[in-house]
Amino acid sequence: NKGGTGLGLAVAKDFIEAQGGKIWVESALG
């Protein structure tokens, strides 16, 4: 953890959804 604000992905999601899009993550530990 680099100590961010926790806003980056929320802002990205709002912007993408405002354009009629969608965003998600595919990930697993390691």
PDB file of all heavy atoms in Angstrom:
ATOM      1  N   ASN A   1       0.835  -1.193   0.000  1.00  0.00           N
ATOM      2  CA  ASN A   1       0.000   0.000   0.000  1.00  0.00           C
ATOM      3  C   ASN A   1       0.871   1.245   0.000  1.00  0.00           C
ATOM      4  O   ASN A   1       1.739   1.408   0.833  1.00  0.00           O
ATOM      5  CB  ASN A   1      -0.928   0.004   1.219  1.00  0.00           C
ATOM      6  CG  ASN A   1      -1.902   1.158   1.166  1.00  0.00           C
ATOM      7  OD1 ASN A   1      -1.838   2.005   0.278  1.00  0.00           O
ATOM      8  ND2 ASN A   1      -2.799   1.187   2.117  1.00  0.00           N
ATOM      9  N   LYS A   2       0.596   2.150  -0.947  1.00  0.00           N
ATOM     10  CA  LYS A   2       1.379   3.370  -1.076  1.00  0.00           C
ATOM     11  C   LYS A   2       0.725   4.567  -0.398  1.00  0.00           C
ATOM     12  O   LYS A   2       1.162   5.678  -0.547  1.00  0.00           O
ATOM     13  CB  LYS A   2       1.593   3.693  -2.562  1.00  0.00           C
ATOM     14  CG  LYS A   2       2.320   2.616  -3.334  1.00  0.00           C
ATOM     15  CD  LYS A   2       3.791   2.601  -3.018  1.00  0.00           C
ATOM     16  CE  LYS A   2       4.539   1.743  -3.998  1.00  0.00           C
ATOM     17  NZ  LYS A   2       5.142   0.586  -3.473  1.00  0.00           N
ATOM     18  N   GLY A   3      -0.392   4.365   0.316  1.00  0.00           N
ATOM     19  CA  GLY A   3      -1.007   5.454   1.054  1.00  0.00           C
ATOM     20  C   GLY A   3      -1.850   6.383   0.198  1.00  0.00           C
ATOM     21  O   GLY A   3      -1.871   7.575   0.432  1.00  0.00           O
ATOM     22  N   GLY A   4      -2.566   5.870  -0.794  1.00  0.00           N
ATOM     23  CA  GLY A   4      -3.432   6.699  -1.626  1.00  0.00           C
ATOM     24  C   GLY A   4      -4.683   7.124  -0.878  1.00  0.00           C
ATOM     25  O   GLY A   4      -4.881   6.807   0.294  1.00  0.00           O
ATOM     26  N   THR A   5      -5.551   7.858  -1.583  1.00  0.00           N
ATOM     27  CA  THR A   5      -6.774   8.375  -0.959  1.00  0.00           C
ATOM     28  C   THR A   5      -7.955   7.437  -1.116  1.00  0.00           C
ATOM     29  O   THR A   5      -8.975   7.619  -0.458  1.00  0.00           O
ATOM     30  CB  THR A   5      -7.164   9.717  -1.593  1.00  0.00           C
ATOM     31  OG1 THR A   5      -7.428   9.510  -2.983  1.00  0.00           O
ATOM     32  CG2 THR A   5      -6.078  10.754  -1.401  1.00  0.00           C
ATOM     33  N   GLY A   6      -7.869   6.475  -2.011  1.00  0.00           N
ATOM     34  CA  GLY A   6      -8.994   5.591  -2.251  1.00  0.00           C
ATOM     35  C   GLY A   6     -10.037   6.214  -3.169  1.00  0.00           C
ATOM     36  O   GLY A   6     -11.201   5.829  -3.136  1.00  0.00           O
ATOM     37  N   LEU A   7      -9.627   7.169  -3.986  1.00  0.00           N
ATOM     38  CA  LEU A   7     -10.561   7.833  -4.898  1.00  0.00           C
ATOM     39  C   LEU A   7     -10.375   7.452  -6.361  1.00  0.00           C
ATOM     40  O   LEU A   7     -11.311   7.548  -7.146  1.00  0.00           O
ATOM     41  CB  LEU A   7     -10.435   9.356  -4.777  1.00  0.00           C
ATOM     42  CG  LEU A   7     -11.036   9.959  -3.535  1.00  0.00           C
ATOM     43  CD1 LEU A   7     -10.704  11.443  -3.455  1.00  0.00           C
ATOM     44  CD2 LEU A   7     -12.534   9.764  -3.516  1.00  0.00           C
ATOM     45  N   GLY A   8      -9.201   7.041  -6.754  1.00  0.00           N
ATOM     46  CA  GLY A   8      -8.892   6.829  -8.168  1.00  0.00           C
ATOM     47  C   GLY A   8      -9.844   5.907  -8.899  1.00  0.00           C
ATOM     48  O   GLY A   8     -10.391   6.255  -9.954  1.00  0.00           O
ATOM     49  N   LEU A   9     -10.071   4.717  -8.376  1.00  0.00           N
ATOM     50  CA  LEU A   9     -10.951   3.770  -9.059  1.00  0.00           C
ATOM     51  C   LEU A   9     -12.409   4.198  -8.985  1.00  0.00           C
ATOM     52  O   LEU A   9     -13.182   3.949  -9.916  1.00  0.00           O
ATOM     53  CB  LEU A   9     -10.776   2.366  -8.482  1.00  0.00           C
ATOM     54  CG  LEU A   9      -9.459   1.685  -8.846  1.00  0.00           C
ATOM     55  CD1 LEU A   9      -9.301   0.383  -8.069  1.00  0.00           C
ATOM     56  CD2 LEU A   9      -9.372   1.437 -10.339  1.00  0.00           C
ATOM     57  N   ALA A  10     -12.801   4.881  -7.906  1.00  0.00           N
ATOM     58  CA  ALA A  10     -14.178   5.376  -7.798  1.00  0.00           C
ATOM     59  C   ALA A  10     -14.434   6.447  -8.852  1.00  0.00           C
ATOM     60  O   ALA A  10     -15.482   6.453  -9.510  1.00  0.00           O
ATOM     61  CB  ALA A  10     -14.442   5.930  -6.402  1.00  0.00           C
ATOM     62  N   VAL A  11     -13.480   7.345  -9.051  1.00  0.00           N
ATOM     63  CA  VAL A  11     -13.616   8.388 -10.073  1.00  0.00           C
ATOM     64  C   VAL A  11     -13.633   7.757 -11.460  1.00  0.00           C
ATOM     65  O   VAL A  11     -14.452   8.122 -12.314  1.00  0.00           O
ATOM     66  CB  VAL A  11     -12.486   9.432  -9.948  1.00  0.00           C
ATOM     67  CG1 VAL A  11     -12.465  10.368 -11.136  1.00  0.00           C
ATOM     68  CG2 VAL A  11     -12.632  10.212  -8.644  1.00  0.00           C
ATOM     69  N   ALA A  12     -12.754   6.801 -11.698  1.00  0.00           N
ATOM     70  CA  ALA A  12     -12.735   6.110 -12.991  1.00  0.00           C
ATOM     71  C   ALA A  12     -14.073   5.436 -13.262  1.00  0.00           C
ATOM     72  O   ALA A  12     -14.622   5.530 -14.366  1.00  0.00           O
ATOM     73  CB  ALA A  12     -11.602   5.088 -13.034  1.00  0.00           C
ATOM     74  N   LYS A  13     -14.624   4.764 -12.264  1.00  0.00           N
ATOM     75  CA  LYS A  13     -15.904   4.080 -12.425  1.00  0.00           C
ATOM     76  C   LYS A  13     -17.017   5.074 -12.745  1.00  0.00           C
ATOM     77  O   LYS A  13     -17.814   4.856 -13.663  1.00  0.00           O
ATOM     78  CB  LYS A  13     -16.250   3.297 -11.156  1.00  0.00           C
ATOM     79  CG  LYS A  13     -17.559   2.528 -11.239  1.00  0.00           C
ATOM     80  CD  LYS A  13     -17.785   1.711  -9.970  1.00  0.00           C
ATOM     81  CE  LYS A  13     -18.988   0.822 -10.125  1.00  0.00           C
ATOM     82  NZ  LYS A  13     -20.147   1.338  -9.426  1.00  0.00           N
ATOM     83  N   ASP A  14     -17.071   6.187 -12.003  1.00  0.00           N
ATOM     84  CA  ASP A  14     -18.093   7.207 -12.264  1.00  0.00           C
ATOM     85  C   ASP A  14     -17.981   7.741 -13.680  1.00  0.00           C
ATOM     86  O   ASP A  14     -18.982   7.902 -14.381  1.00  0.00           O
ATOM     87  CB  ASP A  14     -17.978   8.356 -11.264  1.00  0.00           C
ATOM     88  CG  ASP A  14     -18.453   7.993  -9.865  1.00  0.00           C
ATOM     89  OD1 ASP A  14     -19.096   6.928  -9.701  1.00  0.00           O
ATOM     90  OD2 ASP A  14     -18.177   8.775  -8.939  1.00  0.00           O
ATOM     91  N   PHE A  15     -16.767   8.040 -14.128  1.00  0.00           N
ATOM     92  CA  PHE A  15     -16.557   8.584 -15.467  1.00  0.00           C
ATOM     93  C   PHE A  15     -16.967   7.584 -16.540  1.00  0.00           C
ATOM     94  O   PHE A  15     -17.684   7.914 -17.484  1.00  0.00           O
ATOM     95  CB  PHE A  15     -15.096   8.996 -15.657  1.00  0.00           C
ATOM     96  CG  PHE A  15     -14.818   9.530 -17.020  1.00  0.00           C
ATOM     97  CD1 PHE A  15     -15.144  10.836 -17.345  1.00  0.00           C
ATOM     98  CD2 PHE A  15     -14.255   8.719 -17.992  1.00  0.00           C
ATOM     99  CE1 PHE A  15     -14.908  11.321 -18.622  1.00  0.00           C
ATOM    100  CE2 PHE A  15     -14.016   9.197 -19.265  1.00  0.00           C
ATOM    101  CZ  PHE A  15     -14.337  10.500 -19.583  1.00  0.00           C
ATOM    102  N   ILE A  16     -16.518   6.355 -16.405  1.00  0.00           N
ATOM    103  CA  ILE A  16     -16.813   5.324 -17.405  1.00  0.00           C
ATOM    104  C   ILE A  16     -18.312   5.042 -17.463  1.00  0.00           C
ATOM    105  O   ILE A  16     -18.890   4.947 -18.552  1.00  0.00           O
ATOM    106  CB  ILE A  16     -15.995   4.049 -17.106  1.00  0.00           C
ATOM    107  CG1 ILE A  16     -14.513   4.322 -17.402  1.00  0.00           C
ATOM    108  CG2 ILE A  16     -16.513   2.855 -17.902  1.00  0.00           C
ATOM    109  CD1 ILE A  16     -13.563   3.299 -16.837  1.00  0.00           C
ATOM    110  N   GLU A  17     -18.958   4.944 -16.315  1.00  0.00           N
ATOM    111  CA  GLU A  17     -20.398   4.691 -16.303  1.00  0.00           C
ATOM    112  C   GLU A  17     -21.183   5.883 -16.857  1.00  0.00           C
ATOM    113  O   GLU A  17     -22.219   5.702 -17.492  1.00  0.00           O
ATOM    114  CB  GLU A  17     -20.867   4.323 -14.898  1.00  0.00           C
ATOM    115  CG  GLU A  17     -20.404   2.932 -14.498  1.00  0.00           C
ATOM    116  CD  GLU A  17     -20.827   2.514 -13.103  1.00  0.00           C
ATOM    117  OE1 GLU A  17     -21.330   3.371 -12.328  1.00  0.00           O
ATOM    118  OE2 GLU A  17     -20.643   1.332 -12.785  1.00  0.00           O
ATOM    119  N   ALA A  18     -20.695   7.108 -16.653  1.00  0.00           N
ATOM    120  CA  ALA A  18     -21.351   8.296 -17.209  1.00  0.00           C
ATOM    121  C   ALA A  18     -21.324   8.282 -18.734  1.00  0.00           C
ATOM    122  O   ALA A  18     -22.182   8.891 -19.384  1.00  0.00           O
ATOM    123  CB  ALA A  18     -20.683   9.565 -16.674  1.00  0.00           C
ATOM    124  N   GLN A  19     -20.367   7.551 -19.318  1.00  0.00           N
ATOM    125  CA  GLN A  19     -20.257   7.433 -20.770  1.00  0.00           C
ATOM    126  C   GLN A  19     -21.000   6.203 -21.294  1.00  0.00           C
ATOM    127  O   GLN A  19     -20.899   5.855 -22.466  1.00  0.00           O
ATOM    128  CB  GLN A  19     -18.779   7.336 -21.189  1.00  0.00           C
ATOM    129  CG  GLN A  19     -17.880   8.424 -20.647  1.00  0.00           C
ATOM    130  CD  GLN A  19     -18.391   9.818 -20.935  1.00  0.00           C
ATOM    131  OE1 GLN A  19     -18.750  10.134 -22.056  1.00  0.00           O
ATOM    132  NE2 GLN A  19     -18.440  10.648 -19.911  1.00  0.00           N
ATOM    133  N   GLY A  20     -21.715   5.509 -20.406  1.00  0.00           N
ATOM    134  CA  GLY A  20     -22.455   4.312 -20.803  1.00  0.00           C
ATOM    135  C   GLY A  20     -21.628   3.048 -20.776  1.00  0.00           C
ATOM    136  O   GLY A  20     -22.028   2.023 -21.329  1.00  0.00           O
ATOM    137  N   GLY A  21     -20.476   3.098 -20.120  1.00  0.00           N
ATOM    138  CA  GLY A  21     -19.593   1.933 -20.067  1.00  0.00           C
ATOM    139  C   GLY A  21     -19.649   1.210 -18.743  1.00  0.00           C
ATOM    140  O   GLY A  21     -20.494   1.476 -17.891  1.00  0.00           O
ATOM    141  N   LYS A  22     -18.713   0.285 -18.575  1.00  0.00           N
ATOM    142  CA  LYS A  22     -18.596  -0.452 -17.317  1.00  0.00           C
ATOM    143  C   LYS A  22     -17.137  -0.798 -17.070  1.00  0.00           C
ATOM    144  O   LYS A  22     -16.332  -0.839 -18.002  1.00  0.00           O
ATOM    145  CB  LYS A  22     -19.467  -1.701 -17.321  1.00  0.00           C
ATOM    146  CG  LYS A  22     -19.161  -2.699 -18.409  1.00  0.00           C
ATOM    147  CD  LYS A  22     -20.154  -3.861 -18.378  1.00  0.00           C
ATOM    148  CE  LYS A  22     -19.857  -4.834 -19.503  1.00  0.00           C
ATOM    149  NZ  LYS A  22     -20.731  -5.999 -19.444  1.00  0.00           N
ATOM    150  N   ILE A  23     -16.811  -1.041 -15.813  1.00  0.00           N
ATOM    151  CA  ILE A  23     -15.439  -1.359 -15.410  1.00  0.00           C
ATOM    152  C   ILE A  23     -15.484  -2.467 -14.366  1.00  0.00           C
ATOM    153  O   ILE A  23     -16.424  -2.530 -13.562  1.00  0.00           O
ATOM    154  CB  ILE A  23     -14.704  -0.113 -14.854  1.00  0.00           C
ATOM    155  CG1 ILE A  23     -13.236  -0.438 -14.526  1.00  0.00           C
ATOM    156  CG2 ILE A  23     -15.435   0.475 -13.665  1.00  0.00           C
ATOM    157  CD1 ILE A  23     -12.393   0.790 -14.188  1.00  0.00           C
ATOM    158  N   TRP A  24     -14.487  -3.340 -14.398  1.00  0.00           N
ATOM    159  CA  TRP A  24     -14.386  -4.391 -13.394  1.00  0.00           C
ATOM    160  C   TRP A  24     -12.931  -4.863 -13.316  1.00  0.00           C
ATOM    161  O   TRP A  24     -12.085  -4.449 -14.103  1.00  0.00           O
ATOM    162  CB  TRP A  24     -15.324  -5.556 -13.713  1.00  0.00           C
ATOM    163  CG  TRP A  24     -15.005  -6.353 -14.947  1.00  0.00           C
ATOM    164  CD1 TRP A  24     -14.283  -7.510 -15.010  1.00  0.00           C
ATOM    165  CD2 TRP A  24     -15.409  -6.058 -16.288  1.00  0.00           C
ATOM    166  NE1 TRP A  24     -14.211  -7.948 -16.311  1.00  0.00           N
ATOM    167  CE2 TRP A  24     -14.902  -7.074 -17.115  1.00  0.00           C
ATOM    168  CE3 TRP A  24     -16.144  -5.026 -16.876  1.00  0.00           C
ATOM    169  CZ2 TRP A  24     -15.087  -7.092 -18.502  1.00  0.00           C
ATOM    170  CZ3 TRP A  24     -16.328  -5.041 -18.246  1.00  0.00           C
ATOM    171  CH2 TRP A  24     -15.813  -6.070 -19.037  1.00  0.00           C
ATOM    172  N   VAL A  25     -12.665  -5.705 -12.338  1.00  0.00           N
ATOM    173  CA  VAL A  25     -11.323  -6.253 -12.158  1.00  0.00           C
ATOM    174  C   VAL A  25     -11.404  -7.772 -12.149  1.00  0.00           C
ATOM    175  O   VAL A  25     -12.379  -8.359 -11.673  1.00  0.00           O
ATOM    176  CB  VAL A  25     -10.666  -5.724 -10.851  1.00  0.00           C
ATOM    177  CG1 VAL A  25     -11.409  -6.206  -9.625  1.00  0.00           C
ATOM    178  CG2 VAL A  25      -9.192  -6.107 -10.769  1.00  0.00           C
ATOM    179  N   GLU A  26     -10.381  -8.388 -12.699  1.00  0.00           N
ATOM    180  CA  GLU A  26     -10.184  -9.836 -12.608  1.00  0.00           C
ATOM    181  C   GLU A  26      -8.847 -10.026 -11.916  1.00  0.00           C
ATOM    182  O   GLU A  26      -7.821  -9.546 -12.409  1.00  0.00           O
ATOM    183  CB  GLU A  26     -10.186 -10.479 -13.998  1.00  0.00           C
ATOM    184  CG  GLU A  26     -11.532 -10.353 -14.689  1.00  0.00           C
ATOM    185  CD  GLU A  26     -11.529 -10.888 -16.115  1.00  0.00           C
ATOM    186  OE1 GLU A  26     -10.450 -11.258 -16.632  1.00  0.00           O
ATOM    187  OE2 GLU A  26     -12.614 -10.910 -16.715  1.00  0.00           O
ATOM    188  N   SER A  27      -8.858 -10.676 -10.768  1.00  0.00           N
ATOM    189  CA  SER A  27      -7.629 -10.796  -9.988  1.00  0.00           C
ATOM    190  C   SER A  27      -7.768 -11.892  -8.946  1.00  0.00           C
ATOM    191  O   SER A  27      -8.875 -12.222  -8.518  1.00  0.00           O
ATOM    192  CB  SER A  27      -7.344  -9.459  -9.285  1.00  0.00           C
ATOM    193  OG  SER A  27      -6.133  -9.506  -8.577  1.00  0.00           O
ATOM    194  N   ALA A  28      -6.653 -12.417  -8.551  1.00  0.00           N
ATOM    195  CA  ALA A  28      -6.570 -13.366  -7.444  1.00  0.00           C
ATOM    196  C   ALA A  28      -5.248 -13.105  -6.733  1.00  0.00           C
ATOM    197  O   ALA A  28      -4.281 -12.630  -7.347  1.00  0.00           O
ATOM    198  CB  ALA A  28      -6.628 -14.804  -7.946  1.00  0.00           C
ATOM    199  N   LEU A  29      -5.218 -13.386  -5.448  1.00  0.00           N
ATOM    200  CA  LEU A  29      -3.993 -13.170  -4.686  1.00  0.00           C
ATOM    201  C   LEU A  29      -2.837 -13.943  -5.300  1.00  0.00           C
ATOM    202  O   LEU A  29      -2.974 -15.110  -5.658  1.00  0.00           O
ATOM    203  CB  LEU A  29      -4.207 -13.573  -3.230  1.00  0.00           C
ATOM    204  CG  LEU A  29      -5.152 -12.659  -2.448  1.00  0.00           C
ATOM    205  CD1 LEU A  29      -5.406 -13.225  -1.058  1.00  0.00           C
ATOM    206  CD2 LEU A  29      -4.581 -11.255  -2.353  1.00  0.00           C
ATOM    207  N   GLY A  30      -1.715 -13.271  -5.454  1.00  0.00           N
ATOM    208  CA  GLY A  30      -0.517 -13.890  -5.998  1.00  0.00           C
ATOM    209  C   GLY A  30      -0.483 -13.990  -7.514  1.00  0.00           C
ATOM    210  O   GLY A  30       0.465 -14.529  -8.077  1.00  0.00           O
TER     211      GLY A  30
END
